[in-house]
Amino acid sequence: MESEWTEKPVCHGTADGSRRDRDGEWRAIPPDLSGAGGPSVLSRRRADLWSLVLASRYVPFRVDRGDGGWSLLVPEAYFDTAREELRLFEQENRAWPPPEQIPRPLAENTLSTLSVLFLVATFHNLTLLDLSFLGHAPIDWYGLGSAHAARILDGQWWRTVTALTLHSGLPHLLGNLAIGGVFIVWLCRDLGSGLAWCLLLASGILGNLANSWFQLPSHTSVGASTLVFGSVGILASLRLSRDRRRLRRRWLLPLAGAIALLALLGTEGERTDLGAHLFGFLFGLVLGICAECLVARRGLPGKRLNALLSLSAAAIPVLAWWAALVLSG
């Protein structure tokens, strides 16, 4: 055999740097790391990689090149040690690097999502009018639908939903539409409209409910920001779940980014309901992980299921407002 590195030998020494060329008989490491005889030819890449492993463990070795490939040799006295070190290395690095994930195709539903956001803006204008309905003349939209902590805990469940459709003014509405619209459109394209809106409503409803437990009985809030921060949590957990097999220093970046966004946008302003933002975000994280696990096993909802989920999501606010108008007397 002809040595590949004649000017810079790769025969490594022990910890004290002493050469080990004269340790007696040299034995080739087989590709399957067995102790039995047989072919001992390695690829260049495998020989280089295993050489680094042995060098890091101070195991003397030599790499020789032959007609059929490369051979990694160690002194007979180090043969079992070298095999064990290489076996542990291969075991720890099995299936690494992880295969590249094929990006999931995005749904073409941006227009329908923007239409829903337009309806939210239209409903805000409706609440500014003096309307009479089911004995309410005029309707006190904020009195009937705000997230009043004591009344929610007293059984007026619809307030956890109706509060998401109310806004304190035009700046409040535009802020939620401008910031939340980006995340909501992104989420609807990722998961489909039906599943995305069901998750968004669930995060907003659960966020308002949990917030009512931790606030004073007189606490009242309105706005879709609980749902908006739910979308941030859902998107963060989706990315977190999909990147869990990547480098450890990278897979927590989506969560860190979401928390930074919560701190930046969710704590500003005197009338900001930090509790609602925080709970919406936390429930979004949990729901996003559950959704990604379900989608990974069953796939995205088909057309019929997506349509059913979309209708369910649309029916929830309608049902909640019907309950507010009828059951509130």
C-alpha atoms as a PDB file:
ATOM      1  CA  MET A   1       0.000   0.000   0.000  1.00  0.00           C
ATOM      2  CA  GLU A   2       1.042   3.547  -0.667  1.00  0.00           C
ATOM      3  CA  SER A   3       0.717   6.155   2.042  1.00  0.00           C
ATOM      4  CA  GLU A   4      -1.411   9.153   1.005  1.00  0.00           C
ATOM      5  CA  TRP A   5       0.352  11.630   3.253  1.00  0.00           C
ATOM      6  CA  THR A   6       4.059  11.053   2.737  1.00  0.00           C
ATOM      7  CA  GLU A   7       5.101  14.568   3.752  1.00  0.00           C
ATOM      8  CA  LYS A   8       2.591  14.964   6.600  1.00  0.00           C
ATOM      9  CA  PRO A   9       1.991  11.548   8.143  1.00  0.00           C
ATOM     10  CA  VAL A  10      -1.328  11.020   9.866  1.00  0.00           C
ATOM     11  CA  CYS A  11       0.038   8.502  12.300  1.00  0.00           C
ATOM     12  CA  HIS A  12      -0.909  10.163  15.589  1.00  0.00           C
ATOM     13  CA  GLY A  13       0.730   9.829  18.921  1.00  0.00           C
ATOM     14  CA  THR A  14      -0.617   9.507  22.413  1.00  0.00           C
ATOM     15  CA  ALA A  15      -1.371  12.384  24.770  1.00  0.00           C
ATOM     16  CA  ASP A  16       2.329  13.142  25.189  1.00  0.00           C
ATOM     17  CA  GLY A  17       2.825  13.377  21.429  1.00  0.00           C
ATOM     18  CA  SER A  18       5.058  10.308  21.059  1.00  0.00           C
ATOM     19  CA  ARG A  19       4.874   8.387  17.759  1.00  0.00           C
ATOM     20  CA  ARG A  20       3.471   4.870  17.856  1.00  0.00           C
ATOM     21  CA  ASP A  21       4.691   3.437  14.548  1.00  0.00           C
ATOM     22  CA  ARG A  22       6.633   0.674  16.313  1.00  0.00           C
ATOM     23  CA  ASP A  23       3.934  -0.681  18.599  1.00  0.00           C
ATOM     24  CA  GLY A  24       3.981  -3.958  16.777  1.00  0.00           C
ATOM     25  CA  GLU A  25       1.472  -5.292  14.314  1.00  0.00           C
ATOM     26  CA  TRP A  26      -1.086  -2.858  12.875  1.00  0.00           C
ATOM     27  CA  ARG A  27      -4.643  -3.999  12.298  1.00  0.00           C
ATOM     28  CA  ALA A  28      -7.215  -2.472   9.937  1.00  0.00           C
ATOM     29  CA  ILE A  29     -10.569  -1.309  11.278  1.00  0.00           C
ATOM     30  CA  PRO A  30     -13.375  -3.006   9.285  1.00  0.00           C
ATOM     31  CA  PRO A  31     -16.243  -0.839   7.971  1.00  0.00           C
ATOM     32  CA  ASP A  32     -18.785  -2.717  10.117  1.00  0.00           C
ATOM     33  CA  LEU A  33     -16.561  -2.352  13.237  1.00  0.00           C
ATOM     34  CA  SER A  34     -16.638  -6.099  13.820  1.00  0.00           C
ATOM     35  CA  GLY A  35     -13.739  -8.076  15.123  1.00  0.00           C
ATOM     36  CA  ALA A  36     -13.963 -10.625  12.365  1.00  0.00           C
ATOM     37  CA  GLY A  37     -11.752 -10.593   9.331  1.00  0.00           C
ATOM     38  CA  GLY A  38     -12.928  -9.383   5.977  1.00  0.00           C
ATOM     39  CA  PRO A  39     -12.746  -6.322   3.744  1.00  0.00           C
ATOM     40  CA  SER A  40     -11.341  -3.253   5.477  1.00  0.00           C
ATOM     41  CA  VAL A  41     -11.679  -0.677   2.720  1.00  0.00           C
ATOM     42  CA  LEU A  42     -13.230   2.669   3.707  1.00  0.00           C
ATOM     43  CA  SER A  43     -14.308   5.669   1.735  1.00  0.00           C
ATOM     44  CA  ARG A  44     -12.160   8.791   1.962  1.00  0.00           C
ATOM     45  CA  ARG A  45     -14.870  10.597   3.917  1.00  0.00           C
ATOM     46  CA  ARG A  46     -15.300   7.744   6.428  1.00  0.00           C
ATOM     47  CA  ALA A  47     -11.540   7.394   6.890  1.00  0.00           C
ATOM     48  CA  ASP A  48     -11.154  11.121   7.566  1.00  0.00           C
ATOM     49  CA  LEU A  49     -14.093  11.165   9.984  1.00  0.00           C
ATOM     50  CA  TRP A  50     -12.976   8.131  11.963  1.00  0.00           C
ATOM     51  CA  SER A  51      -9.442   9.509  12.077  1.00  0.00           C
ATOM     52  CA  LEU A  52     -10.717  12.621  13.830  1.00  0.00           C
ATOM     53  CA  VAL A  53     -12.611  10.479  16.342  1.00  0.00           C
ATOM     54  CA  LEU A  54      -9.534   8.408  17.194  1.00  0.00           C
ATOM     55  CA  ALA A  55      -7.318  11.491  17.374  1.00  0.00           C
ATOM     56  CA  SER A  56      -9.725  13.116  19.849  1.00  0.00           C
ATOM     57  CA  ARG A  57      -9.502   9.983  22.044  1.00  0.00           C
ATOM     58  CA  TYR A  58      -5.686   9.756  21.796  1.00  0.00           C
ATOM     59  CA  VAL A  59      -5.820   6.408  20.017  1.00  0.00           C
ATOM     60  CA  PRO A  60      -2.810   5.962  17.673  1.00  0.00           C
ATOM     61  CA  PHE A  61      -3.735   5.222  14.076  1.00  0.00           C
ATOM     62  CA  ARG A  62      -2.512   5.293  10.501  1.00  0.00           C
ATOM     63  CA  VAL A  63      -4.402   5.891   7.280  1.00  0.00           C
ATOM     64  CA  ASP A  64      -3.169   4.099   4.167  1.00  0.00           C
ATOM     65  CA  ARG A  65      -4.431   4.267   0.629  1.00  0.00           C
ATOM     66  CA  GLY A  66      -4.698   1.206  -1.540  1.00  0.00           C
ATOM     67  CA  ASP A  67      -6.059   0.378  -4.950  1.00  0.00           C
ATOM     68  CA  GLY A  68      -9.607  -0.194  -3.678  1.00  0.00           C
ATOM     69  CA  GLY A  69      -9.881   2.643  -1.195  1.00  0.00           C
ATOM     70  CA  TRP A  70      -8.632   3.647   2.233  1.00  0.00           C
ATOM     71  CA  SER A  71      -7.671   1.678   5.315  1.00  0.00           C
ATOM     72  CA  LEU A  72      -7.630   2.890   8.906  1.00  0.00           C
ATOM     73  CA  LEU A  73      -5.097   0.953  10.952  1.00  0.00           C
ATOM     74  CA  VAL A  74      -4.380   0.900  14.681  1.00  0.00           C
ATOM     75  CA  PRO A  75      -1.881  -1.083  16.729  1.00  0.00           C
ATOM     76  CA  GLU A  76      -3.152  -4.508  17.726  1.00  0.00           C
ATOM     77  CA  ALA A  77      -3.179  -3.472  21.395  1.00  0.00           C
ATOM     78  CA  TYR A  78      -5.572  -0.577  20.594  1.00  0.00           C
ATOM     79  CA  PHE A  79      -7.872  -2.464  18.240  1.00  0.00           C
ATOM     80  CA  ASP A  80     -10.722  -3.128  20.722  1.00  0.00           C
ATOM     81  CA  THR A  81     -10.490   0.379  22.170  1.00  0.00           C
ATOM     82  CA  ALA A  82     -10.645   1.955  18.720  1.00  0.00           C
ATOM     83  CA  ARG A  83     -13.650  -0.146  17.711  1.00  0.00           C
ATOM     84  CA  GLU A  84     -15.528   0.785  20.895  1.00  0.00           C
ATOM     85  CA  GLU A  85     -14.845   4.499  20.463  1.00  0.00           C
ATOM     86  CA  LEU A  86     -15.997   4.387  16.855  1.00  0.00           C
ATOM     87  CA  ARG A  87     -19.075   2.332  17.757  1.00  0.00           C
ATOM     88  CA  LEU A  88     -20.115   4.890  20.370  1.00  0.00           C
ATOM     89  CA  PHE A  89     -19.534   7.703  17.883  1.00  0.00           C
ATOM     90  CA  GLU A  90     -21.684   6.037  15.212  1.00  0.00           C
ATOM     91  CA  GLN A  91     -24.421   5.274  17.748  1.00  0.00           C
ATOM     92  CA  GLU A  92     -24.600   8.859  18.994  1.00  0.00           C
ATOM     93  CA  ASN A  93     -24.603  10.294  15.477  1.00  0.00           C
ATOM     94  CA  ARG A  94     -27.005   7.862  13.883  1.00  0.00           C
ATOM     95  CA  ALA A  95     -29.364   9.560  11.410  1.00  0.00           C
ATOM     96  CA  TRP A  96     -27.351  12.781  11.588  1.00  0.00           C
ATOM     97  CA  PRO A  97     -27.646  15.231   9.995  1.00  0.00           C
ATOM     98  CA  PRO A  98     -31.437  15.001   9.896  1.00  0.00           C
ATOM     99  CA  PRO A  99     -33.000  14.887   6.439  1.00  0.00           C
ATOM    100  CA  GLU A 100     -34.086  18.192   4.998  1.00  0.00           C
ATOM    101  CA  GLN A 101     -37.802  18.716   5.421  1.00  0.00           C
ATOM    102  CA  ILE A 102     -39.798  19.428   2.296  1.00  0.00           C
ATOM    103  CA  PRO A 103     -41.657  22.715   2.843  1.00  0.00           C
ATOM    104  CA  ARG A 104     -45.394  22.255   3.135  1.00  0.00           C
ATOM    105  CA  PRO A 105     -47.233  23.939   0.257  1.00  0.00           C
ATOM    106  CA  LEU A 106     -49.129  27.040   1.352  1.00  0.00           C
ATOM    107  CA  ALA A 107     -52.846  27.366   0.709  1.00  0.00           C
ATOM    108  CA  GLU A 108     -54.068  30.115  -1.590  1.00  0.00           C
ATOM    109  CA  ASN A 109     -56.572  31.656   0.822  1.00  0.00           C
ATOM    110  CA  THR A 110     -55.204  35.147   1.425  1.00  0.00           C
ATOM    111  CA  LEU A 111     -58.249  36.824  -0.105  1.00  0.00           C
ATOM    112  CA  SER A 112     -60.712  34.902   2.065  1.00  0.00           C
ATOM    113  CA  THR A 113     -58.668  35.669   5.190  1.00  0.00           C
ATOM    114  CA  LEU A 114     -58.578  39.374   4.367  1.00  0.00           C
ATOM    115  CA  SER A 115     -62.338  39.213   3.786  1.00  0.00           C
ATOM    116  CA  VAL A 116     -62.847  37.949   7.336  1.00  0.00           C
ATOM    117  CA  LEU A 117     -60.692  40.787   8.676  1.00  0.00           C
ATOM    118  CA  PHE A 118     -62.791  43.206   6.626  1.00  0.00           C
ATOM    119  CA  LEU A 119     -65.921  41.809   8.291  1.00  0.00           C
ATOM    120  CA  VAL A 120     -64.354  42.502  11.692  1.00  0.00           C
ATOM    121  CA  ALA A 121     -63.825  46.116  10.663  1.00  0.00           C
ATOM    122  CA  THR A 122     -67.394  46.287   9.323  1.00  0.00           C
ATOM    123  CA  PHE A 123     -68.788  44.947  12.589  1.00  0.00           C
ATOM    124  CA  HIS A 124     -66.894  47.650  14.484  1.00  0.00           C
ATOM    125  CA  ASN A 125     -68.717  50.260  12.398  1.00  0.00           C
ATOM    126  CA  LEU A 126     -71.981  48.455  13.145  1.00  0.00           C
ATOM    127  CA  THR A 127     -71.441  48.820  16.881  1.00  0.00           C
ATOM    128  CA  LEU A 128     -71.278  52.592  16.447  1.00  0.00           C
ATOM    129  CA  LEU A 129     -74.855  52.710  15.138  1.00  0.00           C
ATOM    130  CA  ASP A 130     -78.027  52.923  17.219  1.00  0.00           C
ATOM    131  CA  LEU A 131     -79.648  49.610  16.363  1.00  0.00           C
ATOM    132  CA  SER A 132     -82.533  47.802  18.010  1.00  0.00           C
ATOM    133  CA  PHE A 133     -82.810  44.029  18.043  1.00  0.00           C
ATOM    134  CA  LEU A 134     -84.595  41.452  20.235  1.00  0.00           C
ATOM    135  CA  GLY A 135     -85.823  44.072  22.670  1.00  0.00           C
ATOM    136  CA  HIS A 136     -82.539  45.978  22.894  1.00  0.00           C
ATOM    137  CA  ALA A 137     -83.057  49.565  21.766  1.00  0.00           C
ATOM    138  CA  PRO A 138     -80.406  50.690  21.178  1.00  0.00           C
ATOM    139  CA  ILE A 139     -78.050  47.712  21.636  1.00  0.00           C
ATOM    140  CA  ASP A 140     -75.319  48.266  24.194  1.00  0.00           C
ATOM    141  CA  TRP A 141     -72.718  46.204  22.402  1.00  0.00           C
ATOM    142  CA  TYR A 142     -69.965  46.823  24.927  1.00  0.00           C
ATOM    143  CA  GLY A 143     -72.205  46.239  27.916  1.00  0.00           C
ATOM    144  CA  LEU A 144     -73.418  42.936  26.476  1.00  0.00           C
ATOM    145  CA  GLY A 145     -70.185  41.636  24.964  1.00  0.00           C
ATOM    146  CA  SER A 146     -67.149  42.907  26.872  1.00  0.00           C
ATOM    147  CA  ALA A 147     -64.936  40.458  28.766  1.00  0.00           C
ATOM    148  CA  HIS A 148     -66.218  41.374  32.239  1.00  0.00           C
ATOM    149  CA  ALA A 149     -64.360  39.082  34.638  1.00  0.00           C
ATOM    150  CA  ALA A 150     -67.093  38.624  37.240  1.00  0.00           C
ATOM    151  CA  ARG A 151     -69.829  38.015  34.677  1.00  0.00           C
ATOM    152  CA  ILE A 152     -67.724  35.499  32.754  1.00  0.00           C
ATOM    153  CA  LEU A 153     -67.126  33.528  35.934  1.00  0.00           C
ATOM    154  CA  ASP A 154     -70.829  33.846  36.733  1.00  0.00           C
ATOM    155  CA  GLY A 155     -71.714  31.854  33.610  1.00  0.00           C
ATOM    156  CA  GLN A 156     -71.841  34.392  30.780  1.00  0.00           C
ATOM    157  CA  TRP A 157     -69.502  32.319  28.619  1.00  0.00           C
ATOM    158  CA  TRP A 158     -70.295  34.213  25.430  1.00  0.00           C
ATOM    159  CA  ARG A 159     -68.303  37.209  26.633  1.00  0.00           C
ATOM    160  CA  THR A 160     -65.061  35.271  26.053  1.00  0.00           C
ATOM    161  CA  VAL A 161     -66.033  35.255  22.347  1.00  0.00           C
ATOM    162  CA  THR A 162     -67.890  38.512  21.823  1.00  0.00           C
ATOM    163  CA  ALA A 163     -65.105  40.533  23.439  1.00  0.00           C
ATOM    164  CA  LEU A 164     -62.817  39.418  20.605  1.00  0.00           C
ATOM    165  CA  THR A 165     -65.057  41.200  18.078  1.00  0.00           C
ATOM    166  CA  LEU A 166     -65.208  44.541  19.920  1.00  0.00           C
ATOM    167  CA  HIS A 167     -62.661  47.368  19.894  1.00  0.00           C
ATOM    168  CA  SER A 168     -62.390  50.521  21.949  1.00  0.00           C
ATOM    169  CA  GLY A 169     -61.848  52.749  18.946  1.00  0.00           C
ATOM    170  CA  LEU A 170     -60.472  53.031  15.431  1.00  0.00           C
ATOM    171  CA  PRO A 171     -56.767  53.061  16.477  1.00  0.00           C
ATOM    172  CA  HIS A 172     -57.362  49.894  18.530  1.00  0.00           C
ATOM    173  CA  LEU A 173     -59.052  48.209  15.565  1.00  0.00           C
ATOM    174  CA  LEU A 174     -56.429  49.266  13.011  1.00  0.00           C
ATOM    175  CA  GLY A 175     -53.600  48.171  15.292  1.00  0.00           C
ATOM    176  CA  ASN A 176     -55.015  44.675  15.650  1.00  0.00           C
ATOM    177  CA  LEU A 177     -55.767  44.397  11.929  1.00  0.00           C
ATOM    178  CA  ALA A 178     -52.338  45.663  10.861  1.00  0.00           C
ATOM    179  CA  ILE A 179     -50.296  43.563  13.279  1.00  0.00           C
ATOM    180  CA  GLY A 180     -52.562  40.566  13.587  1.00  0.00           C
ATOM    181  CA  GLY A 181     -53.378  40.464   9.897  1.00  0.00           C
ATOM    182  CA  VAL A 182     -49.813  39.473   9.028  1.00  0.00           C
ATOM    183  CA  PHE A 183     -49.755  36.541  11.448  1.00  0.00           C
ATOM    184  CA  ILE A 184     -53.308  35.439  10.711  1.00  0.00           C
ATOM    185  CA  VAL A 185     -52.788  35.402   6.938  1.00  0.00           C
ATOM    186  CA  TRP A 186     -49.559  33.446   7.422  1.00  0.00           C
ATOM    187  CA  LEU A 187     -51.230  30.929   9.727  1.00  0.00           C
ATOM    188  CA  CYS A 188     -54.243  30.431   7.446  1.00  0.00           C
ATOM    189  CA  ARG A 189     -51.956  29.754   4.502  1.00  0.00           C
ATOM    190  CA  ASP A 190     -49.934  27.280   6.562  1.00  0.00           C
ATOM    191  CA  LEU A 191     -52.759  25.224   8.114  1.00  0.00           C
ATOM    192  CA  GLY A 192     -55.749  26.095   5.965  1.00  0.00           C
ATOM    193  CA  SER A 193     -58.501  28.538   6.858  1.00  0.00           C
ATOM    194  CA  GLY A 194     -60.729  26.167   8.816  1.00  0.00           C
ATOM    195  CA  LEU A 195     -58.142  24.741  11.191  1.00  0.00           C
ATOM    196  CA  ALA A 196     -56.354  28.077  11.579  1.00  0.00           C
ATOM    197  CA  TRP A 197     -59.488  30.036  12.551  1.00  0.00           C
ATOM    198  CA  CYS A 198     -60.589  27.325  14.977  1.00  0.00           C
ATOM    199  CA  LEU A 199     -57.190  27.465  16.682  1.00  0.00           C
ATOM    200  CA  LEU A 200     -57.247  31.272  16.729  1.00  0.00           C
ATOM    201  CA  LEU A 201     -60.693  31.399  18.301  1.00  0.00           C
ATOM    202  CA  ALA A 202     -59.744  28.733  20.828  1.00  0.00           C
ATOM    203  CA  SER A 203     -56.628  30.649  21.904  1.00  0.00           C
ATOM    204  CA  GLY A 204     -58.618  33.895  22.237  1.00  0.00           C
ATOM    205  CA  ILE A 205     -61.509  32.287  24.128  1.00  0.00           C
ATOM    206  CA  LEU A 206     -59.281  30.354  26.509  1.00  0.00           C
ATOM    207  CA  GLY A 207     -57.078  33.424  26.981  1.00  0.00           C
ATOM    208  CA  ASN A 208     -60.060  35.581  28.000  1.00  0.00           C
ATOM    209  CA  LEU A 209     -61.371  32.860  30.291  1.00  0.00           C
ATOM    210  CA  ALA A 210     -58.047  32.371  32.061  1.00  0.00           C
ATOM    211  CA  ASN A 211     -57.549  36.131  32.326  1.00  0.00           C
ATOM    212  CA  SER A 212     -60.890  36.496  34.115  1.00  0.00           C
ATOM    213  CA  TRP A 213     -59.650  34.145  36.849  1.00  0.00           C
ATOM    214  CA  PHE A 214     -56.620  36.279  37.621  1.00  0.00           C
ATOM    215  CA  GLN A 215     -58.149  39.749  37.336  1.00  0.00           C
ATOM    216  CA  LEU A 216     -60.306  41.725  39.729  1.00  0.00           C
ATOM    217  CA  PRO A 217     -64.052  41.010  39.404  1.00  0.00           C
ATOM    218  CA  SER A 218     -64.575  44.475  37.936  1.00  0.00           C
ATOM    219  CA  HIS A 219     -61.951  43.998  35.199  1.00  0.00           C
ATOM    220  CA  THR A 220     -63.304  44.580  31.686  1.00  0.00           C
ATOM    221  CA  SER A 221     -61.538  44.309  28.343  1.00  0.00           C
ATOM    222  CA  VAL A 222     -62.321  44.181  24.625  1.00  0.00           C
ATOM    223  CA  GLY A 223     -60.345  43.514  21.504  1.00  0.00           C
ATOM    224  CA  ALA A 224     -58.975  40.797  19.255  1.00  0.00           C
ATOM    225  CA  SER A 225     -55.457  41.210  20.615  1.00  0.00           C
ATOM    226  CA  THR A 226     -55.849  38.077  22.761  1.00  0.00           C
ATOM    227  CA  LEU A 227     -56.466  36.165  19.537  1.00  0.00           C
ATOM    228  CA  VAL A 228     -53.638  38.006  17.771  1.00  0.00           C
ATOM    229  CA  PHE A 229     -51.112  36.934  20.379  1.00  0.00           C
ATOM    230  CA  GLY A 230     -52.608  33.472  20.191  1.00  0.00           C
ATOM    231  CA  SER A 231     -51.573  33.453  16.519  1.00  0.00           C
ATOM    232  CA  VAL A 232     -48.026  34.403  17.541  1.00  0.00           C
ATOM    233  CA  GLY A 233     -47.924  31.489  19.973  1.00  0.00           C
ATOM    234  CA  ILE A 234     -49.352  29.055  17.407  1.00  0.00           C
ATOM    235  CA  LEU A 235     -46.834  30.043  14.752  1.00  0.00           C
ATOM    236  CA  ALA A 236     -43.967  29.822  17.246  1.00  0.00           C
ATOM    237  CA  SER A 237     -44.945  26.328  18.358  1.00  0.00           C
ATOM    238  CA  LEU A 238     -45.390  25.160  14.745  1.00  0.00           C
ATOM    239  CA  ARG A 239     -41.863  26.269  13.914  1.00  0.00           C
ATOM    240  CA  LEU A 240     -40.556  24.874  17.188  1.00  0.00           C
ATOM    241  CA  SER A 241     -42.092  21.454  16.484  1.00  0.00           C
ATOM    242  CA  ARG A 242     -40.759  21.329  12.945  1.00  0.00           C
ATOM    243  CA  ASP A 243     -37.222  22.367  13.932  1.00  0.00           C
ATOM    244  CA  ARG A 244     -36.869  20.154  17.015  1.00  0.00           C
ATOM    245  CA  ARG A 245     -34.415  17.838  15.243  1.00  0.00           C
ATOM    246  CA  ARG A 246     -32.156  20.596  14.030  1.00  0.00           C
ATOM    247  CA  LEU A 247     -29.156  22.085  15.807  1.00  0.00           C
ATOM    248  CA  ARG A 248     -29.951  22.690  19.451  1.00  0.00           C
ATOM    249  CA  ARG A 249     -28.696  26.242  19.309  1.00  0.00           C
ATOM    250  CA  ARG A 250     -31.261  27.039  16.574  1.00  0.00           C
ATOM    251  CA  TRP A 251     -34.441  25.191  17.439  1.00  0.00           C
ATOM    252  CA  LEU A 252     -35.422  27.523  20.289  1.00  0.00           C
ATOM    253  CA  LEU A 253     -35.108  30.656  18.168  1.00  0.00           C
ATOM    254  CA  PRO A 254     -38.816  30.729  17.159  1.00  0.00           C
ATOM    255  CA  LEU A 255     -39.870  30.673  20.818  1.00  0.00           C
ATOM    256  CA  ALA A 256     -37.363  33.366  21.743  1.00  0.00           C
ATOM    257  CA  GLY A 257     -38.580  35.513  18.856  1.00  0.00           C
ATOM    258  CA  ALA A 258     -42.217  35.102  19.872  1.00  0.00           C
ATOM    259  CA  ILE A 259     -41.472  36.049  23.476  1.00  0.00           C
ATOM    260  CA  ALA A 260     -39.582  39.118  22.275  1.00  0.00           C
ATOM    261  CA  LEU A 261     -42.557  40.082  20.114  1.00  0.00           C
ATOM    262  CA  LEU A 262     -44.894  39.641  23.069  1.00  0.00           C
ATOM    263  CA  ALA A 263     -42.681  41.903  25.165  1.00  0.00           C
ATOM    264  CA  LEU A 264     -42.434  44.488  22.389  1.00  0.00           C
ATOM    265  CA  LEU A 265     -46.075  44.693  21.299  1.00  0.00           C
ATOM    266  CA  GLY A 266     -48.034  43.203  24.164  1.00  0.00           C
ATOM    267  CA  THR A 267     -46.959  45.434  27.044  1.00  0.00           C
ATOM    268  CA  GLU A 268     -47.207  48.924  25.550  1.00  0.00           C
ATOM    269  CA  GLY A 269     -49.947  51.415  26.384  1.00  0.00           C
ATOM    270  CA  GLU A 270     -51.825  52.362  29.509  1.00  0.00           C
ATOM    271  CA  ARG A 271     -54.937  50.360  28.563  1.00  0.00           C
ATOM    272  CA  THR A 272     -53.049  47.273  27.422  1.00  0.00           C
ATOM    273  CA  ASP A 273     -54.374  44.069  28.966  1.00  0.00           C
ATOM    274  CA  LEU A 274     -51.102  42.226  29.532  1.00  0.00           C
ATOM    275  CA  GLY A 275     -52.842  39.255  31.123  1.00  0.00           C
ATOM    276  CA  ALA A 276     -55.050  38.661  28.080  1.00  0.00           C
ATOM    277  CA  HIS A 277     -52.051  38.935  25.750  1.00  0.00           C
ATOM    278  CA  LEU A 278     -49.988  36.552  27.846  1.00  0.00           C
ATOM    279  CA  PHE A 279     -52.708  33.927  28.206  1.00  0.00           C
ATOM    280  CA  GLY A 280     -53.595  34.137  24.525  1.00  0.00           C
ATOM    281  CA  PHE A 281     -49.932  33.571  23.686  1.00  0.00           C
ATOM    282  CA  LEU A 282     -49.565  30.631  26.097  1.00  0.00           C
ATOM    283  CA  PHE A 283     -52.698  28.890  24.875  1.00  0.00           C
ATOM    284  CA  GLY A 284     -51.525  29.512  21.324  1.00  0.00           C
ATOM    285  CA  LEU A 285     -48.291  27.670  22.111  1.00  0.00           C
ATOM    286  CA  VAL A 286     -50.154  24.656  23.483  1.00  0.00           C
ATOM    287  CA  LEU A 287     -52.714  24.557  20.678  1.00  0.00           C
ATOM    288  CA  GLY A 288     -50.020  24.941  18.037  1.00  0.00           C
ATOM    289  CA  ILE A 289     -48.065  21.961  19.358  1.00  0.00           C
ATOM    290  CA  CYS A 290     -51.233  19.843  19.455  1.00  0.00           C
ATOM    291  CA  ALA A 291     -52.152  20.908  15.918  1.00  0.00           C
ATOM    292  CA  GLU A 292     -48.706  20.124  14.522  1.00  0.00           C
ATOM    293  CA  CYS A 293     -48.686  16.670  16.139  1.00  0.00           C
ATOM    294  CA  LEU A 294     -52.117  15.974  14.669  1.00  0.00           C
ATOM    295  CA  VAL A 295     -51.177  17.254  11.212  1.00  0.00           C
ATOM    296  CA  ALA A 296     -47.938  15.246  11.264  1.00  0.00           C
ATOM    297  CA  ARG A 297     -49.956  12.057  11.832  1.00  0.00           C
ATOM    298  CA  ARG A 298     -53.117  12.686   9.817  1.00  0.00           C
ATOM    299  CA  GLY A 299     -52.133  15.418   7.376  1.00  0.00           C
ATOM    300  CA  LEU A 300     -53.864  18.730   6.760  1.00  0.00           C
ATOM    301  CA  PRO A 301     -57.678  18.747   6.663  1.00  0.00           C
ATOM    302  CA  GLY A 302     -59.176  17.938   3.280  1.00  0.00           C
ATOM    303  CA  LYS A 303     -61.564  20.239   1.461  1.00  0.00           C
ATOM    304  CA  ARG A 304     -64.697  18.950   3.178  1.00  0.00           C
ATOM    305  CA  LEU A 305     -63.218  18.996   6.663  1.00  0.00           C
ATOM    306  CA  ASN A 306     -61.670  22.406   6.059  1.00  0.00           C
ATOM    307  CA  ALA A 307     -65.074  23.738   4.959  1.00  0.00           C
ATOM    308  CA  LEU A 308     -66.712  22.230   8.046  1.00  0.00           C
ATOM    309  CA  LEU A 309     -64.105  23.794  10.328  1.00  0.00           C
ATOM    310  CA  SER A 310     -64.516  27.144   8.583  1.00  0.00           C
ATOM    311  CA  LEU A 311     -68.289  27.054   9.082  1.00  0.00           C
ATOM    312  CA  SER A 312     -67.814  26.103  12.733  1.00  0.00           C
ATOM    313  CA  ALA A 313     -65.407  28.994  13.264  1.00  0.00           C
ATOM    314  CA  ALA A 314     -67.873  31.406  11.634  1.00  0.00           C
ATOM    315  CA  ALA A 315     -70.792  30.053  13.695  1.00  0.00           C
ATOM    316  CA  ILE A 316     -69.079  30.522  17.066  1.00  0.00           C
ATOM    317  CA  PRO A 317     -69.174  34.386  17.112  1.00  0.00           C
ATOM    318  CA  VAL A 318     -72.714  34.372  15.702  1.00  0.00           C
ATOM    319  CA  LEU A 319     -73.881  31.958  18.393  1.00  0.00           C
ATOM    320  CA  ALA A 320     -72.083  33.968  21.079  1.00  0.00           C
ATOM    321  CA  TRP A 321     -73.759  37.230  20.045  1.00  0.00           C
ATOM    322  CA  TRP A 322     -77.132  35.495  19.844  1.00  0.00           C
ATOM    323  CA  ALA A 323     -76.608  34.296  23.418  1.00  0.00           C
ATOM    324  CA  ALA A 324     -75.543  37.787  24.496  1.00  0.00           C
ATOM    325  CA  LEU A 325     -78.679  39.377  22.991  1.00  0.00           C
ATOM    326  CA  VAL A 326     -81.132  36.710  24.152  1.00  0.00           C
ATOM    327  CA  LEU A 327     -79.794  35.368  27.441  1.00  0.00           C
ATOM    328  CA  SER A 328     -78.741  38.758  28.790  1.00  0.00           C
ATOM    329  CA  GLY A 329     -82.387  39.795  28.751  1.00  0.00           C
END
